[in-house]
Amino acid sequence: MYDVKKGYEIAKEYYARYGIDVDKAIETADKTPISMHCWQGDDVQGTELKEDKTLTGGIQTTGNYPGKARNGEELRADIDVALKYIPGAVRMNVHASYLEADRYVDRDEIKPEHFDKWVEWANARNMGLDFNPTYFAHPKSTAAGTLSCADEEIRKFWVRHGIACRKIGQYFADKTGKKCVINHWTPDGDKEVPFDTLSPRLRLKQSYDEIFAATEDCKDVIDGIESKVFGIGAESYTVGSHEFCMGYVMNARKKHIIMTLDSGHYHPTQYVSAMLSGIYTFSDSVLLHVTRGVRWDSDHVVGFEDETRNIFDELVRMDKLKDTYVATDFFDASINRICAWVIGLRNTRKAILSALLQPVAYEKELEMKGDVSARLAWRQEFLAAPFSLVWDYYCAKKNAGVGLEWLDDVKKYEKDVLLKR
């Protein structure tokens, strides 16, 4: 292996020429929490005691790579392997369908104690826990909708589920001593544009209002409201559109209700990086779901590519990284699932560190002077900066594997454990 420390010293000298403190950037990147999603490990199947685990509501995962987790214990064991190679602060993001009980528990009956194994596991690792209501893959999650359903019995069922989830979020916060971030996303929509597009949205607003009113005493719980352009079977109309979700958040005027921006939930020519300053003009914080859409919301493993880097560049330039709740959201069943976690979260952390190694103050100064030619020159120059040398040093310092050192270990785990399931 090459001399990582020597490479770091060279990079440090390079960045120092431009007034950039590499050690401070590493420290900030390391302390920025990334909420790791549990559902990559089992193709969003969940651990509910039910026979039918068919995904519905616009959710789809492709591939059948061997070795997926079959229960909570296997899932957490796989997560532990991935965590060895993911440097920096990590939280765990759990969906409601990952409850563990000795009998089938319907979604509107879930209780905090059904997640005690997750709490115990997280506390042993000094990790915070985040949460998500599961409004899909259920007999009552049909084309008629969930929280926007015209059938009052079904709508109320899902409202009870949302209320239960916020109470579980409070439980997580109490047990871990760390805030719990809950993300609310519904798959409700229509394959064709309905004649009445307003009524479902009024019902969705009513449902959110009822969920938050019933749990207004919850503390240390942050609620993200997530939009989506479309889903499979809901290609033409999504009840929880970007405009609806943004309107709900802004109208709610409550600090705990914030906007969720998923980098795969928009049209191919729409970019979350371009939306951030508009949202932050009116909000104090944002929940960010980092993923990679390819032609549609396909939840590909996060890459160290333009949009991921642009998102974190923008957050650093606005000095809003500290105010952003960063989470990953992807699932790929066509490759080793642990590899997917490691690649995706390492790339997310890479993008954070890369953004912190930019001459932001000087570029802003050039902009204020109106020297846009120099601004462009500086921006392009730093695309070739020796960032990878700093990244390798950081990974070595965290004992998280330099370069692809981690890959052989994960492949060995695959051979020894995953392929024997």
Protein backbone atom coordinates (compact mmCIF):
# COMPACT_ATOMS: atom_id res chain seq x y z
CA MET A 1 0.00 0.00 0.00
CA TYR A 2 1.26 3.48 -0.76
CA ASP A 3 2.27 5.89 2.01
CA VAL A 4 -1.10 7.33 3.02
CA LYS A 5 0.42 9.81 5.49
CA LYS A 6 2.79 11.15 2.83
CA GLY A 7 -0.10 11.61 0.39
CA TYR A 8 -2.05 13.44 3.09
CA GLU A 9 0.84 15.81 3.78
CA ILE A 10 1.11 16.64 0.06
CA ALA A 11 -2.64 17.30 -0.15
CA LYS A 12 -2.56 19.34 3.04
CA GLU A 13 0.15 21.56 1.59
CA TYR A 14 -1.84 21.95 -1.63
CA TYR A 15 -5.03 23.02 0.16
CA ALA A 16 -3.15 25.29 2.57
CA ARG A 17 -2.13 27.41 -0.42
CA TYR A 18 -5.79 28.34 -0.74
CA GLY A 19 -6.46 28.85 2.95
CA ILE A 20 -8.25 25.53 3.46
CA ASP A 21 -7.83 23.75 6.80
CA VAL A 22 -7.83 20.05 5.89
CA ASP A 23 -7.94 18.82 9.49
CA LYS A 24 -10.97 20.99 10.26
CA ALA A 25 -12.71 19.68 7.13
CA ILE A 26 -12.06 16.09 8.20
CA GLU A 27 -13.37 16.79 11.69
CA THR A 28 -16.57 18.39 10.38
CA ALA A 29 -17.19 15.62 7.83
CA ASP A 30 -16.58 12.96 10.49
CA LYS A 31 -19.08 14.49 12.92
CA THR A 32 -21.83 15.02 10.33
CA PRO A 33 -24.32 12.17 10.96
CA ILE A 34 -25.59 10.07 8.07
CA SER A 35 -28.74 8.06 8.75
CA MET A 36 -28.20 4.60 7.28
CA HIS A 37 -31.36 2.91 6.00
CA CYS A 38 -31.99 -0.63 7.25
CA TRP A 39 -34.06 -1.73 4.23
CA GLN A 40 -31.12 -2.15 1.83
CA GLY A 41 -30.26 -5.41 3.62
CA ASP A 42 -33.41 -7.35 2.82
CA ASP A 43 -34.91 -5.70 -0.27
CA VAL A 44 -37.49 -3.73 1.77
CA GLN A 45 -39.15 -6.96 2.93
CA GLY A 46 -39.42 -6.07 6.61
CA THR A 47 -39.66 -8.35 9.64
CA GLU A 48 -43.42 -8.43 10.17
CA LEU A 49 -44.81 -11.90 10.84
CA LYS A 50 -46.88 -12.20 7.70
CA GLU A 51 -46.77 -14.48 4.69
CA ASP A 52 -47.28 -11.96 1.90
CA LYS A 53 -44.25 -9.68 1.61
CA THR A 54 -45.07 -8.39 -1.85
CA LEU A 55 -44.08 -4.77 -2.32
CA THR A 56 -46.87 -2.41 -3.32
CA GLY A 57 -47.40 1.32 -3.61
CA GLY A 58 -44.85 2.18 -6.26
CA ILE A 59 -42.03 0.39 -4.40
CA GLN A 60 -39.98 -2.02 -6.47
CA THR A 61 -36.63 -3.70 -6.03
CA THR A 62 -34.92 -5.67 -8.77
CA GLY A 63 -32.55 -8.61 -8.63
CA ASN A 64 -32.24 -11.71 -6.47
CA TYR A 65 -28.63 -11.71 -5.29
CA PRO A 66 -28.12 -14.49 -2.73
CA GLY A 67 -27.74 -13.92 0.99
CA LYS A 68 -30.35 -11.33 1.96
CA ALA A 69 -31.22 -11.04 5.63
CA ARG A 70 -34.22 -13.13 6.68
CA ASN A 71 -34.85 -11.65 10.12
CA GLY A 72 -33.83 -8.82 12.39
CA GLU A 73 -30.83 -10.58 13.85
CA GLU A 74 -29.33 -11.32 10.44
CA LEU A 75 -30.11 -7.80 9.27
CA ARG A 76 -28.33 -6.18 12.21
CA ALA A 77 -25.37 -8.55 11.82
CA ASP A 78 -25.04 -7.48 8.19
CA ILE A 79 -25.30 -3.83 9.16
CA ASP A 80 -22.49 -4.34 11.68
CA VAL A 81 -20.24 -5.65 8.91
CA ALA A 82 -21.03 -2.66 6.72
CA LEU A 83 -20.42 -0.22 9.59
CA LYS A 84 -16.80 -1.34 9.85
CA TYR A 85 -16.11 0.34 6.51
CA ILE A 86 -18.33 3.42 6.81
CA PRO A 87 -16.29 6.13 8.55
CA GLY A 88 -17.89 8.89 10.54
CA ALA A 89 -21.03 9.39 12.62
CA VAL A 90 -23.88 7.07 11.60
CA ARG A 91 -27.49 6.80 12.75
CA MET A 92 -29.86 3.94 11.94
CA ASN A 93 -33.05 4.55 9.98
CA VAL A 94 -35.80 1.98 10.59
CA HIS A 95 -39.12 1.47 8.80
CA ALA A 96 -42.23 0.57 10.76
CA SER A 97 -42.39 -2.78 8.96
CA TYR A 98 -39.19 -3.80 10.78
CA LEU A 99 -40.95 -4.39 14.09
CA GLU A 100 -40.17 -7.62 15.91
CA ALA A 101 -43.01 -9.27 17.79
CA ASP A 102 -43.97 -12.86 18.65
CA ARG A 103 -47.22 -12.51 16.69
CA TYR A 104 -48.57 -10.58 13.74
CA VAL A 105 -49.18 -6.96 14.70
CA ASP A 106 -51.15 -4.78 12.33
CA ARG A 107 -49.74 -1.40 11.38
CA ASP A 108 -52.16 0.61 13.51
CA GLU A 109 -51.28 -1.47 16.58
CA ILE A 110 -47.49 -1.20 16.58
CA LYS A 111 -45.98 -0.25 19.92
CA PRO A 112 -42.58 1.03 21.06
CA GLU A 113 -41.71 -2.30 22.65
CA HIS A 114 -41.87 -3.98 19.23
CA PHE A 115 -38.65 -2.13 18.42
CA ASP A 116 -36.74 -2.78 21.63
CA LYS A 117 -34.18 -4.96 19.85
CA TRP A 118 -33.34 -2.02 17.60
CA VAL A 119 -33.07 0.27 20.64
CA GLU A 120 -30.80 -2.14 22.49
CA TRP A 121 -28.62 -2.59 19.40
CA ALA A 122 -28.39 1.15 18.76
CA ASN A 123 -27.57 2.03 22.36
CA ALA A 124 -24.76 -0.53 22.40
CA ARG A 125 -23.22 1.44 19.50
CA ASN A 126 -24.13 4.91 20.79
CA MET A 127 -26.27 5.49 17.70
CA GLY A 128 -29.39 7.54 17.21
CA LEU A 129 -32.50 5.96 15.69
CA ASP A 130 -34.71 7.45 12.97
CA PHE A 131 -38.07 6.10 11.83
CA ASN A 132 -40.53 5.88 8.94
CA PRO A 133 -44.22 4.98 8.81
CA THR A 134 -44.73 2.15 6.30
CA TYR A 135 -47.71 3.19 4.15
CA PHE A 136 -47.08 0.47 1.54
CA ALA A 137 -47.01 -3.34 1.20
CA HIS A 138 -50.22 -3.87 3.15
CA PRO A 139 -53.77 -5.02 2.22
CA LYS A 140 -55.08 -1.54 3.06
CA SER A 141 -52.47 0.13 0.84
CA THR A 142 -54.31 -0.05 -2.45
CA ALA A 143 -54.87 2.05 -5.55
CA ALA A 144 -57.55 3.86 -3.53
CA GLY A 145 -54.83 5.40 -1.38
CA THR A 146 -53.79 5.46 2.27
CA LEU A 147 -53.86 8.80 4.09
CA SER A 148 -55.76 10.33 1.17
CA CYS A 149 -58.24 7.48 0.76
CA ALA A 150 -61.90 8.42 0.31
CA ASP A 151 -62.85 5.34 2.34
CA GLU A 152 -62.90 6.83 5.82
CA GLU A 153 -62.23 3.49 7.51
CA ILE A 154 -59.02 3.00 5.53
CA ARG A 155 -57.92 6.62 5.97
CA LYS A 156 -58.42 6.40 9.73
CA PHE A 157 -56.45 3.15 9.83
CA TRP A 158 -53.43 4.89 8.33
CA VAL A 159 -53.88 7.94 10.57
CA ARG A 160 -53.66 5.59 13.56
CA HIS A 161 -50.49 4.15 12.04
CA GLY A 162 -48.97 7.63 11.70
CA ILE A 163 -49.87 8.45 15.31
CA ALA A 164 -48.30 5.19 16.50
CA CYS A 165 -45.13 5.99 14.55
CA ARG A 166 -44.69 9.42 16.14
CA LYS A 167 -45.05 7.84 19.58
CA ILE A 168 -42.39 5.32 18.65
CA GLY A 169 -40.19 8.20 17.53
CA GLN A 170 -40.62 9.76 20.96
CA TYR A 171 -39.68 6.41 22.52
CA PHE A 172 -36.52 6.25 20.40
CA ALA A 173 -35.55 9.76 21.47
CA ASP A 174 -36.15 8.95 25.13
CA LYS A 175 -34.21 5.68 25.03
CA THR A 176 -31.23 6.87 22.98
CA GLY A 177 -31.00 10.42 24.27
CA LYS A 178 -30.89 11.64 20.66
CA LYS A 179 -33.55 13.30 18.49
CA CYS A 180 -35.51 11.00 16.21
CA VAL A 181 -36.19 12.08 12.62
CA ILE A 182 -39.37 10.61 11.14
CA ASN A 183 -40.00 10.67 7.40
CA HIS A 184 -43.60 10.68 6.15
CA TRP A 185 -44.13 9.46 2.58
CA THR A 186 -47.30 8.05 1.07
CA PRO A 187 -47.54 6.19 -2.26
CA ASP A 188 -51.00 7.61 -2.99
CA GLY A 189 -51.67 8.51 -6.60
CA ASP A 190 -53.29 7.50 -9.87
CA LYS A 191 -52.17 5.88 -13.11
CA GLU A 192 -54.22 8.49 -15.00
CA VAL A 193 -54.92 12.10 -14.06
CA PRO A 194 -58.12 11.98 -11.97
CA PHE A 195 -61.00 14.37 -12.59
CA ASP A 196 -60.84 15.44 -8.95
CA THR A 197 -57.24 16.23 -8.04
CA LEU A 198 -58.09 18.43 -5.07
CA SER A 199 -60.11 16.17 -2.77
CA PRO A 200 -57.34 13.57 -2.23
CA ARG A 201 -54.93 16.36 -1.29
CA LEU A 202 -57.41 17.87 1.13
CA ARG A 203 -57.79 14.44 2.74
CA LEU A 204 -54.00 14.01 2.93
CA LYS A 205 -53.72 17.39 4.62
CA GLN A 206 -56.48 16.40 7.03
CA SER A 207 -54.68 13.16 7.85
CA TYR A 208 -51.37 14.86 8.56
CA ASP A 209 -53.20 17.44 10.68
CA GLU A 210 -54.84 14.67 12.70
CA ILE A 211 -51.56 12.79 13.19
CA PHE A 212 -49.74 15.86 14.48
CA ALA A 213 -52.65 17.07 16.61
CA ALA A 214 -52.91 13.70 18.35
CA THR A 215 -49.19 13.68 19.14
CA GLU A 216 -48.50 17.34 19.84
CA ASP A 217 -46.92 16.43 23.18
CA CYS A 218 -44.11 14.48 21.46
CA LYS A 219 -40.69 15.98 22.12
CA ASP A 220 -37.37 15.58 20.31
CA VAL A 221 -39.10 14.27 17.17
CA ILE A 222 -38.50 15.89 13.78
CA ASP A 223 -40.95 15.17 10.95
CA GLY A 224 -40.00 15.30 7.29
CA ILE A 225 -42.76 15.50 4.68
CA GLU A 226 -41.58 13.80 1.48
CA SER A 227 -42.86 14.34 -2.04
CA LYS A 228 -42.53 12.28 -5.19
CA VAL A 229 -43.17 12.85 -8.89
CA PHE A 230 -44.63 9.40 -9.55
CA GLY A 231 -44.52 5.72 -8.68
CA ILE A 232 -45.27 2.49 -10.49
CA GLY A 233 -49.05 2.49 -10.91
CA ALA A 234 -49.20 6.19 -10.05
CA GLU A 235 -47.46 7.62 -13.07
CA SER A 236 -49.79 10.53 -13.81
CA TYR A 237 -50.81 11.92 -10.44
CA THR A 238 -49.17 11.87 -7.01
CA VAL A 239 -51.22 13.20 -4.11
CA GLY A 240 -48.12 14.18 -2.13
CA SER A 241 -46.56 16.27 -4.88
CA HIS A 242 -43.67 18.66 -4.28
CA GLU A 243 -46.02 21.64 -4.24
CA PHE A 244 -48.36 19.95 -1.77
CA CYS A 245 -45.57 18.91 0.60
CA MET A 246 -43.82 22.27 0.46
CA GLY A 247 -47.13 24.03 1.03
CA TYR A 248 -47.94 21.80 3.99
CA VAL A 249 -44.57 22.38 5.63
CA MET A 250 -44.64 26.14 5.15
CA ASN A 251 -48.25 26.46 6.28
CA ALA A 252 -47.72 24.27 9.36
CA ARG A 253 -45.29 26.81 10.79
CA LYS A 254 -43.94 24.28 13.27
CA LYS A 255 -40.21 23.77 13.71
CA HIS A 256 -40.51 20.00 13.90
CA ILE A 257 -42.27 19.74 10.50
CA ILE A 258 -39.73 20.13 7.70
CA MET A 259 -39.35 19.37 4.01
CA THR A 260 -37.84 16.09 2.85
CA LEU A 261 -35.93 16.36 -0.43
CA ASP A 262 -35.18 12.99 -2.04
CA SER A 263 -32.63 13.29 -4.83
CA GLY A 264 -34.42 10.60 -6.86
CA HIS A 265 -37.96 11.95 -6.58
CA TYR A 266 -37.96 14.56 -9.31
CA HIS A 267 -37.91 14.85 -13.08
CA PRO A 268 -34.50 14.16 -14.66
CA THR A 269 -33.96 17.87 -15.30
CA GLN A 270 -34.87 18.87 -11.72
CA TYR A 271 -32.08 18.89 -9.16
CA VAL A 272 -32.29 18.92 -5.38
CA SER A 273 -29.08 20.96 -5.32
CA ALA A 274 -30.97 23.77 -7.10
CA MET A 275 -33.90 23.60 -4.65
CA LEU A 276 -32.00 23.89 -1.39
CA SER A 277 -31.53 27.64 -1.18
CA GLY A 278 -35.20 28.21 -2.04
CA ILE A 279 -36.31 25.93 0.79
CA TYR A 280 -33.76 27.31 3.23
CA THR A 281 -34.99 30.83 2.55
CA PHE A 282 -38.10 29.92 4.55
CA SER A 283 -37.03 26.90 6.66
CA ASP A 284 -34.42 26.32 9.34
CA SER A 285 -33.69 22.72 8.38
CA VAL A 286 -34.22 20.08 5.70
CA LEU A 287 -34.31 16.28 5.67
CA LEU A 288 -32.22 15.04 2.77
CA HIS A 289 -32.62 11.56 1.25
CA VAL A 290 -29.51 10.79 -0.78
CA THR A 291 -30.07 8.32 -3.60
CA ARG A 292 -29.42 8.04 -7.32
CA GLY A 293 -32.26 7.95 -9.80
CA VAL A 294 -31.55 6.51 -13.24
CA ARG A 295 -34.28 7.56 -15.71
CA TRP A 296 -36.83 7.22 -12.90
CA ASP A 297 -36.90 6.93 -9.11
CA SER A 298 -34.95 3.69 -9.24
CA ASP A 299 -33.09 4.16 -5.93
CA HIS A 300 -29.68 3.22 -7.29
CA VAL A 301 -26.73 3.06 -4.91
CA VAL A 302 -25.40 6.57 -4.25
CA GLY A 303 -22.50 7.43 -6.53
CA PHE A 304 -19.79 10.05 -6.14
CA GLU A 305 -21.25 11.82 -9.14
CA ASP A 306 -22.21 15.34 -10.09
CA GLU A 307 -25.56 15.78 -8.35
CA THR A 308 -24.47 14.17 -5.08
CA ARG A 309 -21.43 16.44 -5.00
CA ASN A 310 -23.48 19.49 -6.04
CA ILE A 311 -25.92 18.91 -3.17
CA PHE A 312 -23.21 18.99 -0.53
CA ASP A 313 -21.31 21.77 -2.25
CA GLU A 314 -24.47 23.87 -2.01
CA LEU A 315 -25.05 22.98 1.65
CA VAL A 316 -21.49 23.96 2.57
CA ARG A 317 -21.64 27.21 0.57
CA MET A 318 -24.84 28.15 2.41
CA ASP A 319 -23.37 27.02 5.75
CA LYS A 320 -26.39 24.73 6.11
CA LEU A 321 -24.69 21.35 6.41
CA LYS A 322 -25.12 21.49 10.18
CA ASP A 323 -28.86 22.17 9.76
CA THR A 324 -29.51 19.31 7.32
CA TYR A 325 -30.56 15.84 8.39
CA VAL A 326 -28.72 13.56 5.97
CA ALA A 327 -30.10 10.07 5.26
CA THR A 328 -29.54 7.48 2.54
CA ASP A 329 -32.37 5.73 0.69
CA PHE A 330 -31.57 3.12 -1.93
CA PHE A 331 -31.98 -0.63 -2.40
CA ASP A 332 -30.28 -2.87 -4.92
CA ALA A 333 -30.96 -6.61 -4.89
CA SER A 334 -28.78 -7.25 -7.94
CA ILE A 335 -25.48 -6.93 -6.03
CA ASN A 336 -24.06 -7.85 -2.64
CA ARG A 337 -26.25 -5.84 -0.29
CA ILE A 338 -23.45 -5.03 2.14
CA CYS A 339 -21.35 -3.73 -0.74
CA ALA A 340 -24.27 -1.49 -1.69
CA TRP A 341 -24.41 0.00 1.81
CA VAL A 342 -20.66 0.55 2.00
CA ILE A 343 -20.37 2.07 -1.47
CA GLY A 344 -23.41 4.33 -1.01
CA LEU A 345 -22.56 5.65 2.43
CA ARG A 346 -18.86 6.06 1.69
CA ASN A 347 -19.80 8.09 -1.39
CA THR A 348 -22.13 10.23 0.68
CA ARG A 349 -19.37 10.90 3.19
CA LYS A 350 -16.93 11.55 0.33
CA ALA A 351 -19.25 14.20 -1.06
CA ILE A 352 -19.46 15.88 2.36
CA LEU A 353 -15.68 15.94 2.78
CA SER A 354 -15.10 17.07 -0.80
CA ALA A 355 -17.49 20.00 -0.31
CA LEU A 356 -15.66 21.06 2.84
CA LEU A 357 -12.39 21.20 0.89
CA GLN A 358 -13.52 24.03 -1.36
CA PRO A 359 -12.34 27.67 -1.20
CA VAL A 360 -15.85 28.87 -0.43
CA ALA A 361 -14.95 32.16 1.25
CA TYR A 362 -12.65 33.24 -1.56
CA GLU A 363 -15.11 32.26 -4.30
CA LYS A 364 -17.82 34.29 -2.56
CA GLU A 365 -15.42 37.21 -2.39
CA LEU A 366 -14.77 36.97 -6.13
CA GLU A 367 -18.50 36.87 -6.75
CA MET A 368 -19.11 39.94 -4.63
CA LYS A 369 -16.47 41.76 -6.67
CA GLY A 370 -18.23 40.71 -9.87
CA ASP A 371 -15.21 38.75 -11.07
CA VAL A 372 -17.20 35.85 -12.51
CA SER A 373 -14.33 34.84 -14.81
CA ALA A 374 -12.06 34.16 -11.84
CA ARG A 375 -14.93 32.46 -10.02
CA LEU A 376 -15.34 29.99 -12.88
CA ALA A 377 -11.58 29.43 -13.08
CA TRP A 378 -11.35 28.61 -9.39
CA ARG A 379 -14.36 26.29 -9.48
CA GLN A 380 -12.93 24.32 -12.39
CA GLU A 381 -9.44 24.21 -10.89
CA PHE A 382 -10.68 22.48 -7.76
CA LEU A 383 -12.32 19.67 -9.71
CA ALA A 384 -8.80 18.27 -10.07
CA ALA A 385 -7.70 18.95 -6.47
CA PRO A 386 -6.05 15.98 -4.66
CA PHE A 387 -9.15 15.15 -2.65
CA SER A 388 -8.62 11.38 -2.81
CA LEU A 389 -5.39 11.68 -0.81
CA VAL A 390 -7.30 13.32 2.03
CA TRP A 391 -10.08 10.73 1.79
CA ASP A 392 -7.61 7.84 2.01
CA TYR A 393 -5.94 9.39 5.05
CA TYR A 394 -9.33 9.88 6.73
CA CYS A 395 -10.34 6.25 6.09
CA ALA A 396 -6.97 5.01 7.39
CA LYS A 397 -7.35 7.19 10.49
CA LYS A 398 -10.82 5.69 11.12
CA ASN A 399 -9.57 2.15 10.36
CA ALA A 400 -12.35 1.89 7.76
CA GLY A 401 -10.28 0.52 4.89
CA VAL A 402 -8.26 2.53 2.40
CA GLY A 403 -9.39 2.37 -1.20
CA LEU A 404 -10.94 -1.05 -1.81
CA GLU A 405 -9.33 -2.81 1.15
CA TRP A 406 -12.79 -3.41 2.57
CA LEU A 407 -14.01 -5.37 -0.46
CA ASP A 408 -12.11 -8.60 0.26
CA ASP A 409 -13.47 -8.68 3.82
CA VAL A 410 -17.05 -8.22 2.65
CA LYS A 411 -16.59 -10.92 0.02
CA LYS A 412 -15.26 -13.27 2.71
CA TYR A 413 -18.33 -12.56 4.84
CA GLU A 414 -20.44 -13.33 1.80
CA LYS A 415 -18.74 -16.70 1.38
CA ASP A 416 -18.75 -17.60 5.08
CA VAL A 417 -22.18 -16.27 6.05
CA LEU A 418 -24.43 -14.89 3.31
CA LEU A 419 -24.16 -17.78 0.85
CA LYS A 420 -25.01 -20.27 3.62
CA ARG A 421 -28.41 -18.73 4.33
